[in-house]
Amino acid sequence: WRAMLARYVPNKGVTGDPHLTLFVARLNLQTT
């Protein structure tokens, strides 16, 4: 319900080519 009512706009401050970018998750909090 919250997602359906949300009006989200992508962060314009993020730079770079999104089609060449990977998302990496579930990292150890100590990973640098």
PDB file of all heavy atoms in Angstrom:
ATOM      1  N   TRP A   1       0.838  -1.199   0.000  1.00  0.00           N
ATOM      2  CA  TRP A   1       0.000   0.000   0.000  1.00  0.00           C
ATOM      3  C   TRP A   1       0.873   1.250   0.000  1.00  0.00           C
ATOM      4  O   TRP A   1       0.605   2.211  -0.737  1.00  0.00           O
ATOM      5  CB  TRP A   1      -0.918   0.014   1.223  1.00  0.00           C
ATOM      6  CG  TRP A   1      -2.174  -0.786   1.075  1.00  0.00           C
ATOM      7  CD1 TRP A   1      -2.522  -1.916   1.751  1.00  0.00           C
ATOM      8  CD2 TRP A   1      -3.257  -0.524   0.174  1.00  0.00           C
ATOM      9  NE1 TRP A   1      -3.743  -2.375   1.338  1.00  0.00           N
ATOM     10  CE2 TRP A   1      -4.225  -1.538   0.368  1.00  0.00           C
ATOM     11  CE3 TRP A   1      -3.497   0.463  -0.779  1.00  0.00           C
ATOM     12  CZ2 TRP A   1      -5.413  -1.592  -0.341  1.00  0.00           C
ATOM     13  CZ3 TRP A   1      -4.693   0.408  -1.495  1.00  0.00           C
ATOM     14  CH2 TRP A   1      -5.631  -0.595  -1.277  1.00  0.00           C
ATOM     15  N   ARG A   2       1.924   1.262   0.824  1.00  0.00           N
ATOM     16  CA  ARG A   2       2.809   2.432   0.884  1.00  0.00           C
ATOM     17  C   ARG A   2       3.505   2.659  -0.449  1.00  0.00           C
ATOM     18  O   ARG A   2       3.663   3.797  -0.899  1.00  0.00           O
ATOM     19  CB  ARG A   2       3.855   2.254   1.989  1.00  0.00           C
ATOM     20  CG  ARG A   2       3.260   2.282   3.388  1.00  0.00           C
ATOM     21  CD  ARG A   2       4.330   2.478   4.453  1.00  0.00           C
ATOM     22  NE  ARG A   2       5.224   1.340   4.533  1.00  0.00           N
ATOM     23  CZ  ARG A   2       6.513   1.384   4.188  1.00  0.00           C
ATOM     24  NH1 ARG A   2       7.048   2.500   3.723  1.00  0.00           N
ATOM     25  NH2 ARG A   2       7.274   0.320   4.310  1.00  0.00           N
ATOM     26  N   ALA A   3       3.929   1.575  -1.082  1.00  0.00           N
ATOM     27  CA  ALA A   3       4.593   1.715  -2.378  1.00  0.00           C
ATOM     28  C   ALA A   3       3.641   2.208  -3.456  1.00  0.00           C
ATOM     29  O   ALA A   3       4.024   3.001  -4.330  1.00  0.00           O
ATOM     30  CB  ALA A   3       5.213   0.380  -2.779  1.00  0.00           C
ATOM     31  N   MET A   4       2.387   1.759  -3.421  1.00  0.00           N
ATOM     32  CA  MET A   4       1.409   2.190  -4.414  1.00  0.00           C
ATOM     33  C   MET A   4       1.048   3.664  -4.256  1.00  0.00           C
ATOM     34  O   MET A   4       0.736   4.350  -5.238  1.00  0.00           O
ATOM     35  CB  MET A   4       0.152   1.325  -4.310  1.00  0.00           C
ATOM     36  CG  MET A   4       0.368  -0.129  -4.710  1.00  0.00           C
ATOM     37  SD  MET A   4      -1.061  -1.201  -4.378  1.00  0.00           S
ATOM     38  CE  MET A   4      -2.264  -0.503  -5.500  1.00  0.00           C
ATOM     39  N   LEU A   5       1.098   4.147  -3.006  1.00  0.00           N
ATOM     40  CA  LEU A   5       0.766   5.556  -2.758  1.00  0.00           C
ATOM     41  C   LEU A   5       1.983   6.477  -2.852  1.00  0.00           C
ATOM     42  O   LEU A   5       1.824   7.696  -2.825  1.00  0.00           O
ATOM     43  CB  LEU A   5       0.129   5.692  -1.372  1.00  0.00           C
ATOM     44  CG  LEU A   5      -1.203   4.939  -1.180  1.00  0.00           C
ATOM     45  CD1 LEU A   5      -1.660   5.062   0.270  1.00  0.00           C
ATOM     46  CD2 LEU A   5      -2.269   5.462  -2.125  1.00  0.00           C
ATOM     47  N   ALA A   6       3.175   5.909  -2.956  1.00  0.00           N
ATOM     48  CA  ALA A   6       4.396   6.724  -2.984  1.00  0.00           C
ATOM     49  C   ALA A   6       4.570   7.393  -4.346  1.00  0.00           C
ATOM     50  O   ALA A   6       4.186   6.843  -5.391  1.00  0.00           O
ATOM     51  CB  ALA A   6       5.614   5.867  -2.666  1.00  0.00           C
ATOM     52  N   ARG A   7       5.145   8.566  -4.332  1.00  0.00           N
ATOM     53  CA  ARG A   7       5.490   9.297  -5.559  1.00  0.00           C
ATOM     54  C   ARG A   7       6.991   9.523  -5.529  1.00  0.00           C
ATOM     55  O   ARG A   7       7.487  10.547  -5.076  1.00  0.00           O
ATOM     56  CB  ARG A   7       4.737  10.629  -5.626  1.00  0.00           C
ATOM     57  CG  ARG A   7       3.233  10.492  -5.717  1.00  0.00           C
ATOM     58  CD  ARG A   7       2.826   9.865  -7.039  1.00  0.00           C
ATOM     59  NE  ARG A   7       1.376   9.720  -7.168  1.00  0.00           N
ATOM     60  CZ  ARG A   7       0.720   8.628  -6.845  1.00  0.00           C
ATOM     61  NH1 ARG A   7       1.391   7.579  -6.379  1.00  0.00           N
ATOM     62  NH2 ARG A   7      -0.583   8.546  -6.977  1.00  0.00           N
ATOM     63  N   TYR A   8       7.723   8.521  -5.994  1.00  0.00           N
ATOM     64  CA  TYR A   8       9.178   8.543  -5.883  1.00  0.00           C
ATOM     65  C   TYR A   8       9.811   9.075  -7.165  1.00  0.00           C
ATOM     66  O   TYR A   8       9.433   8.689  -8.269  1.00  0.00           O
ATOM     67  CB  TYR A   8       9.711   7.140  -5.590  1.00  0.00           C
ATOM     68  CG  TYR A   8      11.209   7.061  -5.510  1.00  0.00           C
ATOM     69  CD1 TYR A   8      11.901   7.589  -4.423  1.00  0.00           C
ATOM     70  CD2 TYR A   8      11.935   6.469  -6.540  1.00  0.00           C
ATOM     71  CE1 TYR A   8      13.279   7.521  -4.359  1.00  0.00           C
ATOM     72  CE2 TYR A   8      13.317   6.388  -6.482  1.00  0.00           C
ATOM     73  CZ  TYR A   8      13.984   6.911  -5.389  1.00  0.00           C
ATOM     74  OH  TYR A   8      15.354   6.850  -5.333  1.00  0.00           O
ATOM     75  N   VAL A   9      10.798   9.936  -6.984  1.00  0.00           N
ATOM     76  CA  VAL A   9      11.580  10.478  -8.102  1.00  0.00           C
ATOM     77  C   VAL A   9      13.032  10.062  -7.884  1.00  0.00           C
ATOM     78  O   VAL A   9      13.572  10.264  -6.792  1.00  0.00           O
ATOM     79  CB  VAL A   9      11.476  12.011  -8.172  1.00  0.00           C
ATOM     80  CG1 VAL A   9      12.312  12.551  -9.327  1.00  0.00           C
ATOM     81  CG2 VAL A   9      10.020  12.435  -8.329  1.00  0.00           C
ATOM     82  N   PRO A  10      13.674   9.439  -8.864  1.00  0.00           N
ATOM     83  CA  PRO A  10      15.065   9.013  -8.685  1.00  0.00           C
ATOM     84  C   PRO A  10      15.975  10.168  -8.277  1.00  0.00           C
ATOM     85  O   PRO A  10      15.742  11.324  -8.647  1.00  0.00           O
ATOM     86  CB  PRO A  10      15.443   8.456 -10.061  1.00  0.00           C
ATOM     87  CG  PRO A  10      14.142   8.076 -10.685  1.00  0.00           C
ATOM     88  CD  PRO A  10      13.130   9.049 -10.176  1.00  0.00           C
ATOM     89  N   ASN A  11      16.978   9.833  -7.516  1.00  0.00           N
ATOM     90  CA  ASN A  11      17.920  10.829  -7.013  1.00  0.00           C
ATOM     91  C   ASN A  11      18.693  11.450  -8.177  1.00  0.00           C
ATOM     92  O   ASN A  11      19.438  10.764  -8.888  1.00  0.00           O
ATOM     93  CB  ASN A  11      18.876  10.174  -6.025  1.00  0.00           C
ATOM     94  CG  ASN A  11      19.749  11.196  -5.320  1.00  0.00           C
ATOM     95  OD1 ASN A  11      19.639  12.396  -5.544  1.00  0.00           O
ATOM     96  ND2 ASN A  11      20.613  10.704  -4.452  1.00  0.00           N
ATOM     97  N   LYS A  12      18.484  12.751  -8.380  1.00  0.00           N
ATOM     98  CA  LYS A  12      19.162  13.434  -9.483  1.00  0.00           C
ATOM     99  C   LYS A  12      20.631  13.704  -9.186  1.00  0.00           C
ATOM    100  O   LYS A  12      21.405  14.029 -10.090  1.00  0.00           O
ATOM    101  CB  LYS A  12      18.449  14.745  -9.790  1.00  0.00           C
ATOM    102  CG  LYS A  12      17.009  14.554 -10.268  1.00  0.00           C
ATOM    103  CD  LYS A  12      16.360  15.883 -10.576  1.00  0.00           C
ATOM    104  CE  LYS A  12      14.921  15.691 -11.072  1.00  0.00           C
ATOM    105  NZ  LYS A  12      14.259  16.992 -11.384  1.00  0.00           N
ATOM    106  N   GLY A  13      21.006  13.573  -7.917  1.00  0.00           N
ATOM    107  CA  GLY A  13      22.413  13.806  -7.569  1.00  0.00           C
ATOM    108  C   GLY A  13      23.323  12.658  -7.935  1.00  0.00           C
ATOM    109  O   GLY A  13      24.552  12.801  -7.899  1.00  0.00           O
ATOM    110  N   VAL A  14      22.760  11.504  -8.301  1.00  0.00           N
ATOM    111  CA  VAL A  14      23.570  10.348  -8.679  1.00  0.00           C
ATOM    112  C   VAL A  14      24.062  10.535 -10.112  1.00  0.00           C
ATOM    113  O   VAL A  14      23.267  10.804 -11.021  1.00  0.00           O
ATOM    114  CB  VAL A  14      22.763   9.048  -8.545  1.00  0.00           C
ATOM    115  CG1 VAL A  14      23.600   7.861  -8.990  1.00  0.00           C
ATOM    116  CG2 VAL A  14      22.290   8.868  -7.118  1.00  0.00           C
ATOM    117  N   THR A  15      25.355  10.399 -10.301  1.00  0.00           N
ATOM    118  CA  THR A  15      25.958  10.569 -11.630  1.00  0.00           C
ATOM    119  C   THR A  15      26.428   9.225 -12.161  1.00  0.00           C
ATOM    120  O   THR A  15      26.480   8.235 -11.432  1.00  0.00           O
ATOM    121  CB  THR A  15      27.148  11.540 -11.553  1.00  0.00           C
ATOM    122  OG1 THR A  15      28.117  11.021 -10.620  1.00  0.00           O
ATOM    123  CG2 THR A  15      26.689  12.915 -11.094  1.00  0.00           C
ATOM    124  N   GLY A  16      26.765   9.191 -13.430  1.00  0.00           N
ATOM    125  CA  GLY A  16      27.254   7.975 -14.051  1.00  0.00           C
ATOM    126  C   GLY A  16      26.220   7.374 -14.977  1.00  0.00           C
ATOM    127  O   GLY A  16      25.055   7.793 -15.018  1.00  0.00           O
ATOM    128  N   ASP A  17      26.671   6.389 -15.744  1.00  0.00           N
ATOM    129  CA  ASP A  17      25.812   5.715 -16.710  1.00  0.00           C
ATOM    130  C   ASP A  17      25.069   4.582 -16.000  1.00  0.00           C
ATOM    131  O   ASP A  17      25.689   3.616 -15.541  1.00  0.00           O
ATOM    132  CB  ASP A  17      26.655   5.167 -17.855  1.00  0.00           C
ATOM    133  CG  ASP A  17      25.795   4.639 -18.991  1.00  0.00           C
ATOM    134  OD1 ASP A  17      24.557   4.548 -18.812  1.00  0.00           O
ATOM    135  OD2 ASP A  17      26.352   4.311 -20.057  1.00  0.00           O
ATOM    136  N   PRO A  18      23.739   4.664 -15.889  1.00  0.00           N
ATOM    137  CA  PRO A  18      23.009   3.593 -15.182  1.00  0.00           C
ATOM    138  C   PRO A  18      23.061   2.256 -15.909  1.00  0.00           C
ATOM    139  O   PRO A  18      22.905   1.210 -15.279  1.00  0.00           O
ATOM    140  CB  PRO A  18      21.584   4.135 -15.113  1.00  0.00           C
ATOM    141  CG  PRO A  18      21.480   5.097 -16.243  1.00  0.00           C
ATOM    142  CD  PRO A  18      22.832   5.713 -16.384  1.00  0.00           C
ATOM    143  N   HIS A  19      23.290   2.269 -17.223  1.00  0.00           N
ATOM    144  CA  HIS A  19      23.326   1.029 -17.983  1.00  0.00           C
ATOM    145  C   HIS A  19      24.670   0.320 -17.867  1.00  0.00           C
ATOM    146  O   HIS A  19      24.812  -0.796 -18.402  1.00  0.00           O
ATOM    147  CB  HIS A  19      23.015   1.307 -19.454  1.00  0.00           C
ATOM    148  CG  HIS A  19      21.640   1.890 -19.655  1.00  0.00           C
ATOM    149  ND1 HIS A  19      20.496   1.126 -19.611  1.00  0.00           N
ATOM    150  CD2 HIS A  19      21.232   3.172 -19.891  1.00  0.00           C
ATOM    151  CE1 HIS A  19      19.436   1.897 -19.812  1.00  0.00           C
ATOM    152  NE2 HIS A  19      19.857   3.141 -19.996  1.00  0.00           N
ATOM    153  N   LEU A  20      25.613   0.940 -17.201  1.00  0.00           N
ATOM    154  CA  LEU A  20      26.913   0.315 -16.945  1.00  0.00           C
ATOM    155  C   LEU A  20      27.163   0.143 -15.449  1.00  0.00           C
ATOM    156  O   LEU A  20      28.297  -0.083 -15.038  1.00  0.00           O
ATOM    157  CB  LEU A  20      28.046   1.159 -17.558  1.00  0.00           C
ATOM    158  CG  LEU A  20      28.076   1.244 -19.088  1.00  0.00           C
ATOM    159  CD1 LEU A  20      29.191   2.181 -19.541  1.00  0.00           C
ATOM    160  CD2 LEU A  20      28.243  -0.138 -19.720  1.00  0.00           C
ATOM    161  N   THR A  21      26.126   0.215 -14.653  1.00  0.00           N
ATOM    162  CA  THR A  21      26.264   0.185 -13.197  1.00  0.00           C
ATOM    163  C   THR A  21      25.633  -1.073 -12.623  1.00  0.00           C
ATOM    164  O   THR A  21      24.529  -1.460 -13.019  1.00  0.00           O
ATOM    165  CB  THR A  21      25.604   1.423 -12.561  1.00  0.00           C
ATOM    166  OG1 THR A  21      26.178   2.595 -13.140  1.00  0.00           O
ATOM    167  CG2 THR A  21      25.818   1.453 -11.060  1.00  0.00           C
ATOM    168  N   LEU A  22      26.349  -1.698 -11.685  1.00  0.00           N
ATOM    169  CA  LEU A  22      25.859  -2.866 -10.968  1.00  0.00           C
ATOM    170  C   LEU A  22      25.429  -2.483  -9.559  1.00  0.00           C
ATOM    171  O   LEU A  22      26.006  -1.588  -8.935  1.00  0.00           O
ATOM    172  CB  LEU A  22      26.949  -3.939 -10.871  1.00  0.00           C
ATOM    173  CG  LEU A  22      27.244  -4.792 -12.103  1.00  0.00           C
ATOM    174  CD1 LEU A  22      28.332  -5.793 -11.778  1.00  0.00           C
ATOM    175  CD2 LEU A  22      25.998  -5.509 -12.586  1.00  0.00           C
ATOM    176  N   PHE A  23      24.425  -3.181  -9.068  1.00  0.00           N
ATOM    177  CA  PHE A  23      23.975  -3.034  -7.690  1.00  0.00           C
ATOM    178  C   PHE A  23      24.482  -4.242  -6.908  1.00  0.00           C
ATOM    179  O   PHE A  23      24.201  -5.388  -7.264  1.00  0.00           O
ATOM    180  CB  PHE A  23      22.454  -2.953  -7.637  1.00  0.00           C
ATOM    181  CG  PHE A  23      21.872  -3.047  -6.254  1.00  0.00           C
ATOM    182  CD1 PHE A  23      22.048  -2.018  -5.348  1.00  0.00           C
ATOM    183  CD2 PHE A  23      21.150  -4.167  -5.860  1.00  0.00           C
ATOM    184  CE1 PHE A  23      21.507  -2.101  -4.071  1.00  0.00           C
ATOM    185  CE2 PHE A  23      20.605  -4.257  -4.601  1.00  0.00           C
ATOM    186  CZ  PHE A  23      20.791  -3.222  -3.691  1.00  0.00           C
ATOM    187  N   VAL A  24      25.243  -3.987  -5.840  1.00  0.00           N
ATOM    188  CA  VAL A  24      25.833  -5.049  -5.021  1.00  0.00           C
ATOM    189  C   VAL A  24      25.258  -4.924  -3.616  1.00  0.00           C
ATOM    190  O   VAL A  24      25.402  -3.872  -2.981  1.00  0.00           O
ATOM    191  CB  VAL A  24      27.372  -4.954  -4.987  1.00  0.00           C
ATOM    192  CG1 VAL A  24      27.963  -6.115  -4.205  1.00  0.00           C
ATOM    193  CG2 VAL A  24      27.937  -4.926  -6.405  1.00  0.00           C
ATOM    194  N   ALA A  25      24.603  -5.987  -3.140  1.00  0.00           N
ATOM    195  CA  ALA A  25      23.926  -5.944  -1.845  1.00  0.00           C
ATOM    196  C   ALA A  25      24.374  -7.108  -0.973  1.00  0.00           C
ATOM    197  O   ALA A  25      25.143  -7.972  -1.412  1.00  0.00           O
ATOM    198  CB  ALA A  25      22.415  -5.971  -2.034  1.00  0.00           C
ATOM    199  N   ARG A  26      23.902  -7.101   0.293  1.00  0.00           N
ATOM    200  CA  ARG A  26      24.198  -8.115   1.308  1.00  0.00           C
ATOM    201  C   ARG A  26      25.679  -8.157   1.643  1.00  0.00           C
ATOM    202  O   ARG A  26      26.258  -9.232   1.879  1.00  0.00           O
ATOM    203  CB  ARG A  26      23.686  -9.486   0.866  1.00  0.00           C
ATOM    204  CG  ARG A  26      22.196  -9.517   0.600  1.00  0.00           C
ATOM    205  CD  ARG A  26      21.739 -10.819  -0.009  1.00  0.00           C
ATOM    206  NE  ARG A  26      20.353 -10.735  -0.460  1.00  0.00           N
ATOM    207  CZ  ARG A  26      19.745 -11.647  -1.207  1.00  0.00           C
ATOM    208  NH1 ARG A  26      20.403 -12.713  -1.591  1.00  0.00           N
ATOM    209  NH2 ARG A  26      18.481 -11.493  -1.562  1.00  0.00           N
ATOM    210  N   LEU A  27      26.274  -6.993   1.665  1.00  0.00           N
ATOM    211  CA  LEU A  27      27.696  -6.894   1.991  1.00  0.00           C
ATOM    212  C   LEU A  27      27.906  -6.951   3.497  1.00  0.00           C
ATOM    213  O   LEU A  27      27.028  -6.573   4.287  1.00  0.00           O
ATOM    214  CB  LEU A  27      28.273  -5.590   1.445  1.00  0.00           C
ATOM    215  CG  LEU A  27      28.328  -5.426  -0.071  1.00  0.00           C
ATOM    216  CD1 LEU A  27      28.719  -3.990  -0.424  1.00  0.00           C
ATOM    217  CD2 LEU A  27      29.322  -6.410  -0.680  1.00  0.00           C
ATOM    218  N   ASN A  28      29.064  -7.419   3.854  1.00  0.00           N
ATOM    219  CA  ASN A  28      29.488  -7.319   5.252  1.00  0.00           C
ATOM    220  C   ASN A  28      29.666  -5.840   5.590  1.00  0.00           C
ATOM    221  O   ASN A  28      30.201  -5.071   4.788  1.00  0.00           O
ATOM    222  CB  ASN A  28      30.798  -8.079   5.448  1.00  0.00           C
ATOM    223  CG  ASN A  28      31.157  -8.233   6.908  1.00  0.00           C
ATOM    224  OD1 ASN A  28      30.869  -7.366   7.740  1.00  0.00           O
ATOM    225  ND2 ASN A  28      31.790  -9.341   7.227  1.00  0.00           N
ATOM    226  N   LEU A  29      29.198  -5.437   6.762  1.00  0.00           N
ATOM    227  CA  LEU A  29      29.303  -4.022   7.139  1.00  0.00           C
ATOM    228  C   LEU A  29      30.742  -3.572   7.289  1.00  0.00           C
ATOM    229  O   LEU A  29      31.008  -2.358   7.308  1.00  0.00           O
ATOM    230  CB  LEU A  29      28.535  -3.778   8.444  1.00  0.00           C
ATOM    231  CG  LEU A  29      27.029  -4.083   8.394  1.00  0.00           C
ATOM    232  CD1 LEU A  29      26.383  -3.766   9.732  1.00  0.00           C
ATOM    233  CD2 LEU A  29      26.357  -3.306   7.268  1.00  0.00           C
ATOM    234  N   GLN A  30      31.681  -4.505   7.371  1.00  0.00           N
ATOM    235  CA  GLN A  30      33.104  -4.165   7.467  1.00  0.00           C
ATOM    236  C   GLN A  30      33.790  -4.098   6.106  1.00  0.00           C
ATOM    237  O   GLN A  30      34.961  -3.706   6.027  1.00  0.00           O
ATOM    238  CB  GLN A  30      33.826  -5.215   8.342  1.00  0.00           C
ATOM    239  CG  GLN A  30      33.210  -5.403   9.724  1.00  0.00           C
ATOM    240  CD  GLN A  30      33.200  -4.122  10.529  1.00  0.00           C
ATOM    241  OE1 GLN A  30      34.146  -3.322  10.455  1.00  0.00           O
ATOM    242  NE2 GLN A  30      32.151  -3.917  11.314  1.00  0.00           N
ATOM    243  N   THR A  31      33.081  -4.464   5.048  1.00  0.00           N
ATOM    244  CA  THR A  31      33.674  -4.426   3.710  1.00  0.00           C
ATOM    245  C   THR A  31      33.864  -2.979   3.250  1.00  0.00           C
ATOM    246  O   THR A  31      32.959  -2.149   3.382  1.00  0.00           O
ATOM    247  CB  THR A  31      32.774  -5.171   2.713  1.00  0.00           C
ATOM    248  OG1 THR A  31      32.610  -6.516   3.160  1.00  0.00           O
ATOM    249  CG2 THR A  31      33.384  -5.190   1.326  1.00  0.00           C
ATOM    250  N   THR A  32      35.029  -2.670   2.685  1.00  0.00           N
ATOM    251  CA  THR A  32      35.374  -1.302   2.282  1.00  0.00           C
ATOM    252  C   THR A  32      35.403  -1.181   0.760  1.00  0.00           C
ATOM    253  O   THR A  32      35.293  -2.174   0.024  1.00  0.00           O
ATOM    254  CB  THR A  32      36.752  -0.916   2.841  1.00  0.00           C
ATOM    255  OG1 THR A  32      37.743  -1.831   2.307  1.00  0.00           O
ATOM    256  CG2 THR A  32      36.759  -1.003   4.364  1.00  0.00           C
TER     257      THR A  32
END
